[in-house]
N, C-alpha and C. Protein backbone atom coordinates (compact mmCIF):
# COMPACT_ATOMS: atom_id res chain seq x y z
N MET A 1 -52.60 -46.91 27.56
CA MET A 1 -54.22 -46.91 27.72
C MET A 1 -54.86 -45.77 26.28
N LYS A 2 -54.20 -44.36 26.67
CA LYS A 2 -54.25 -43.46 26.15
C LYS A 2 -54.14 -43.45 24.75
N ARG A 3 -52.80 -43.99 24.42
CA ARG A 3 -52.30 -44.27 22.98
C ARG A 3 -53.36 -45.08 21.86
N ARG A 4 -54.05 -46.07 23.09
CA ARG A 4 -54.97 -47.17 22.40
C ARG A 4 -56.00 -46.31 21.92
N VAL A 5 -56.21 -45.57 22.63
CA VAL A 5 -57.80 -44.34 22.42
C VAL A 5 -57.40 -43.24 21.10
N ALA A 6 -56.62 -43.19 21.22
CA ALA A 6 -55.95 -42.22 20.01
C ALA A 6 -55.69 -43.34 18.93
N TRP A 7 -55.19 -44.07 18.90
CA TRP A 7 -54.97 -45.03 17.68
C TRP A 7 -56.19 -45.60 17.00
N ALA A 8 -57.15 -45.85 18.07
CA ALA A 8 -58.73 -46.04 17.76
C ALA A 8 -59.30 -45.08 16.80
N ALA A 9 -58.99 -44.19 17.85
CA ALA A 9 -59.70 -42.58 17.10
C ALA A 9 -59.66 -42.17 15.60
N LEU A 10 -57.66 -42.34 15.43
CA LEU A 10 -56.83 -41.99 14.04
C LEU A 10 -58.09 -43.06 13.36
N PHE A 11 -57.78 -44.35 13.34
CA PHE A 11 -58.10 -45.72 12.69
C PHE A 11 -59.83 -44.99 12.38
N VAL A 12 -60.59 -45.22 12.68
CA VAL A 12 -61.68 -44.46 12.94
C VAL A 12 -62.16 -43.43 11.76
N LEU A 13 -61.04 -42.49 12.44
CA LEU A 13 -61.42 -40.97 11.23
C LEU A 13 -61.20 -41.48 9.81
N LEU A 14 -59.93 -42.56 9.58
CA LEU A 14 -59.56 -42.66 8.44
C LEU A 14 -60.59 -43.76 7.15
N LEU A 15 -60.78 -44.52 8.62
CA LEU A 15 -62.51 -45.45 8.09
C LEU A 15 -63.59 -45.03 7.72
N LEU A 16 -63.87 -44.09 8.30
CA LEU A 16 -64.99 -43.28 7.92
C LEU A 16 -64.79 -41.52 7.38
N PRO A 17 -64.44 -41.02 6.77
CA PRO A 17 -64.36 -39.74 6.49
C PRO A 17 -65.21 -39.10 6.63
N TYR A 18 -65.04 -37.62 7.17
CA TYR A 18 -65.86 -36.63 7.45
C TYR A 18 -67.30 -36.62 6.48
N SER A 19 -66.67 -36.28 5.22
CA SER A 19 -68.08 -36.20 4.61
C SER A 19 -68.62 -37.02 3.35
N SER A 20 -68.02 -38.14 3.53
CA SER A 20 -68.33 -39.56 2.67
C SER A 20 -70.07 -39.81 3.46
N THR A 21 -70.54 -40.60 2.26
CA THR A 21 -71.96 -41.10 2.63
C THR A 21 -71.80 -42.65 3.69
N LEU A 22 -70.51 -42.80 3.99
CA LEU A 22 -70.47 -43.83 4.95
C LEU A 22 -70.93 -42.80 6.33
N ALA A 23 -69.86 -41.95 6.41
CA ALA A 23 -70.01 -41.11 7.66
C ALA A 23 -71.49 -41.17 8.37
N ALA A 24 -72.38 -40.66 7.09
CA ALA A 24 -73.62 -40.35 7.50
C ALA A 24 -74.61 -41.55 8.55
N LYS A 25 -74.23 -42.43 8.11
CA LYS A 25 -74.51 -43.43 9.19
C LYS A 25 -73.93 -43.93 9.94
N GLY A 26 -72.58 -43.31 10.08
CA GLY A 26 -71.70 -43.88 11.23
C GLY A 26 -71.44 -43.30 12.27
N PRO A 27 -70.49 -43.62 13.55
CA PRO A 27 -70.07 -42.95 14.80
C PRO A 27 -69.83 -41.91 14.28
N ILE A 28 -69.23 -41.39 13.13
CA ILE A 28 -68.47 -39.96 13.51
C ILE A 28 -70.06 -38.97 13.46
N ALA A 29 -70.93 -39.22 12.35
CA ALA A 29 -72.23 -38.72 11.85
C ALA A 29 -72.76 -38.47 13.49
N ARG A 30 -72.97 -39.79 13.88
CA ARG A 30 -73.44 -39.42 16.02
C ARG A 30 -72.64 -37.97 16.43
N GLU A 31 -71.19 -38.04 16.24
CA GLU A 31 -70.60 -37.56 17.20
C GLU A 31 -70.74 -35.90 16.57
N ARG A 32 -71.00 -35.65 14.87
CA ARG A 32 -71.27 -34.56 14.58
C ARG A 32 -72.47 -33.83 15.26
N GLY A 33 -73.51 -34.87 15.47
CA GLY A 33 -74.67 -34.52 16.25
C GLY A 33 -74.59 -33.53 17.21
N GLU A 34 -73.98 -34.70 17.69
CA GLU A 34 -74.01 -34.44 19.56
C GLU A 34 -72.93 -33.40 20.13
N HIS A 35 -72.63 -32.91 19.00
CA HIS A 35 -71.35 -31.23 19.15
C HIS A 35 -71.46 -31.01 17.34
N PRO A 36 -72.83 -29.94 17.54
CA PRO A 36 -72.83 -29.35 16.38
C PRO A 36 -71.81 -28.14 16.20
N ARG A 37 -71.46 -27.24 16.97
CA ARG A 37 -70.18 -26.48 16.71
C ARG A 37 -69.17 -26.87 16.39
N ILE A 38 -68.56 -28.02 16.59
CA ILE A 38 -67.30 -28.54 16.03
C ILE A 38 -67.84 -29.26 14.65
N ALA A 39 -68.82 -29.63 14.91
CA ALA A 39 -69.07 -29.66 12.74
C ALA A 39 -69.30 -28.72 12.10
N LYS A 40 -70.08 -27.71 12.60
CA LYS A 40 -69.67 -26.38 12.17
C LYS A 40 -68.43 -25.63 11.95
N ALA A 41 -67.64 -25.48 12.91
CA ALA A 41 -66.35 -25.30 12.82
C ALA A 41 -65.53 -25.75 11.61
N ILE A 42 -65.36 -26.97 11.81
CA ILE A 42 -64.74 -27.73 10.73
C ILE A 42 -65.59 -27.18 9.03
N HIS A 43 -66.92 -27.26 9.38
CA HIS A 43 -67.08 -26.31 7.71
C HIS A 43 -66.68 -25.44 7.54
N SER A 44 -66.61 -24.56 8.42
CA SER A 44 -66.47 -22.77 8.07
C SER A 44 -65.53 -22.50 7.84
N LEU A 45 -63.85 -23.58 8.42
CA LEU A 45 -62.78 -23.80 8.82
C LEU A 45 -62.06 -24.33 6.84
N GLU A 46 -63.15 -25.65 6.91
CA GLU A 46 -62.85 -25.70 5.16
C GLU A 46 -63.47 -24.73 4.11
N ASP A 47 -64.51 -24.03 3.97
CA ASP A 47 -64.81 -23.05 3.38
C ASP A 47 -63.60 -21.65 3.34
N ALA A 48 -63.01 -21.50 4.50
CA ALA A 48 -62.36 -20.23 4.81
C ALA A 48 -61.21 -21.19 3.61
N ILE A 49 -60.20 -22.13 4.08
CA ILE A 49 -59.30 -22.73 3.26
C ILE A 49 -60.30 -22.55 1.67
N ALA A 50 -60.85 -22.69 1.51
CA ALA A 50 -61.54 -22.54 -0.45
C ALA A 50 -61.36 -21.22 -0.92
N TYR A 51 -61.81 -20.13 0.23
CA TYR A 51 -61.56 -18.96 -0.34
C TYR A 51 -60.62 -18.60 -0.50
N MET A 52 -59.46 -18.57 0.43
CA MET A 52 -58.23 -17.67 0.42
C MET A 52 -57.62 -19.01 -0.62
N GLU A 53 -57.85 -20.10 -0.72
CA GLU A 53 -57.00 -20.45 -2.00
C GLU A 53 -57.18 -19.81 -3.13
N ASN A 54 -58.44 -19.49 -3.50
CA ASN A 54 -59.02 -18.85 -4.44
C ASN A 54 -58.68 -17.35 -4.37
N ALA A 55 -58.42 -16.69 -3.51
CA ALA A 55 -58.01 -15.61 -3.21
C ALA A 55 -57.00 -14.99 -4.55
N PRO A 56 -57.11 -13.50 -4.83
CA PRO A 56 -55.72 -13.76 -5.99
C PRO A 56 -55.10 -13.00 -5.27
N HIS A 57 -54.74 -12.93 -4.15
CA HIS A 57 -53.75 -12.06 -2.71
C HIS A 57 -53.51 -12.80 -1.94
N ASP A 58 -52.33 -12.39 -1.01
CA ASP A 58 -51.87 -13.42 -0.71
C ASP A 58 -51.75 -13.00 1.21
N PHE A 59 -52.91 -11.89 1.40
CA PHE A 59 -53.54 -11.54 2.85
C PHE A 59 -51.99 -11.08 3.85
N GLY A 60 -51.35 -10.20 2.98
CA GLY A 60 -49.99 -10.06 4.04
C GLY A 60 -49.15 -11.21 3.79
N GLY A 61 -48.75 -11.74 3.32
CA GLY A 61 -47.82 -12.53 3.66
C GLY A 61 -48.57 -14.03 4.25
N HIS A 62 -49.59 -13.74 4.80
CA HIS A 62 -49.98 -14.81 5.31
C HIS A 62 -50.91 -15.80 5.34
N LYS A 63 -51.21 -15.94 3.93
CA LYS A 63 -52.21 -16.79 3.38
C LYS A 63 -51.56 -18.54 3.58
N ALA A 64 -50.36 -18.51 3.13
CA ALA A 64 -49.91 -19.91 3.53
C ALA A 64 -49.85 -20.64 5.00
N GLU A 65 -49.49 -20.07 5.43
CA GLU A 65 -49.91 -20.69 7.06
C GLU A 65 -51.03 -20.04 7.96
N ALA A 66 -52.06 -19.30 7.33
CA ALA A 66 -53.32 -19.58 7.72
C ALA A 66 -54.06 -20.83 7.06
N ILE A 67 -53.47 -21.10 5.56
CA ILE A 67 -54.33 -22.42 5.16
C ILE A 67 -53.83 -23.14 5.62
N ALA A 68 -52.41 -23.69 6.63
CA ALA A 68 -52.15 -24.19 7.25
C ALA A 68 -52.02 -25.14 8.28
N ALA A 69 -52.59 -23.76 9.10
CA ALA A 69 -52.89 -24.10 10.45
C ALA A 69 -54.44 -24.07 10.70
N SER A 70 -55.39 -24.03 9.50
CA SER A 70 -56.88 -24.24 9.20
C SER A 70 -56.89 -25.76 8.99
N ARG A 71 -55.93 -25.79 8.44
CA ARG A 71 -55.93 -27.28 8.11
C ARG A 71 -55.39 -28.46 8.82
N ALA A 72 -54.45 -28.20 9.89
CA ALA A 72 -54.58 -28.68 11.14
C ALA A 72 -55.57 -28.59 12.29
N ALA A 73 -55.81 -27.54 12.21
CA ALA A 73 -57.47 -27.66 13.38
C ALA A 73 -58.26 -28.74 12.58
N ILE A 74 -58.47 -28.69 11.05
CA ILE A 74 -59.74 -29.20 10.96
C ILE A 74 -58.92 -30.90 11.46
N VAL A 75 -58.07 -31.31 11.36
CA VAL A 75 -57.63 -32.56 11.66
C VAL A 75 -57.51 -32.84 13.07
N GLN A 76 -57.55 -31.69 14.19
CA GLN A 76 -57.55 -32.08 15.48
C GLN A 76 -59.22 -32.50 15.74
N LEU A 77 -60.11 -31.10 14.85
CA LEU A 77 -61.70 -31.26 15.36
C LEU A 77 -62.22 -32.99 15.39
N LYS A 78 -61.67 -33.15 13.80
CA LYS A 78 -61.96 -34.36 13.62
C LYS A 78 -61.66 -35.41 14.07
N LEU A 79 -59.91 -35.37 14.46
CA LEU A 79 -59.80 -36.37 15.68
C LEU A 79 -61.12 -36.43 17.15
N ALA A 80 -60.84 -34.96 17.42
CA ALA A 80 -61.48 -35.03 18.52
C ALA A 80 -63.36 -35.78 18.85
N LEU A 81 -63.77 -35.39 17.15
CA LEU A 81 -64.82 -36.00 17.10
C LEU A 81 -64.69 -37.92 17.03
N ALA A 82 -63.62 -38.07 16.78
CA ALA A 82 -62.91 -39.37 16.10
C ALA A 82 -63.04 -39.91 17.43
N TYR A 83 -62.35 -39.39 18.54
CA TYR A 83 -62.13 -39.93 19.98
C TYR A 83 -63.46 -40.23 20.43
N ARG A 84 -64.73 -39.06 20.36
CA ARG A 84 -65.59 -39.57 21.29
C ARG A 84 -65.95 -40.34 21.10
N ALA A 85 -66.27 -40.70 19.59
CA ALA A 85 -67.05 -42.31 18.75
C ALA A 85 -66.13 -43.21 19.31
N VAL A 86 -64.94 -43.12 19.48
CA VAL A 86 -64.35 -44.65 20.42
C VAL A 86 -64.59 -44.72 21.72
N LYS A 87 -65.05 -43.57 22.45
CA LYS A 87 -65.14 -43.28 23.64
C LYS A 87 -66.64 -44.00 24.06
N ASP A 88 -67.15 -43.61 23.26
CA ASP A 88 -68.79 -43.40 23.16
C ASP A 88 -69.46 -45.02 23.36
N ALA A 89 -68.39 -45.40 22.16
CA ALA A 89 -69.08 -47.14 21.49
C ALA A 89 -68.69 -47.83 22.66
N HIS A 90 -67.71 -47.39 24.13
CA HIS A 90 -67.34 -48.89 24.80
C HIS A 90 -68.06 -48.04 26.04
């Protein structure tokens, strides 16, 4: 059962991208509204990634790993929202 919910959450996540206009009207948008700290964390991580990618230095060799970890965190946060969207729909 948990595996089905996880796959359903991933499916919802892939169908409704976080920043698209479709998501503004869908279940992911509702979850962003229900969990504003998670939505803010995603936005902050996306902003940090853009900053690091454009930075002229490598932050002491930590830049690439920090970007990768930030992207992984965004995926997990979006999966958490998608999971809640599926659970709340049932």
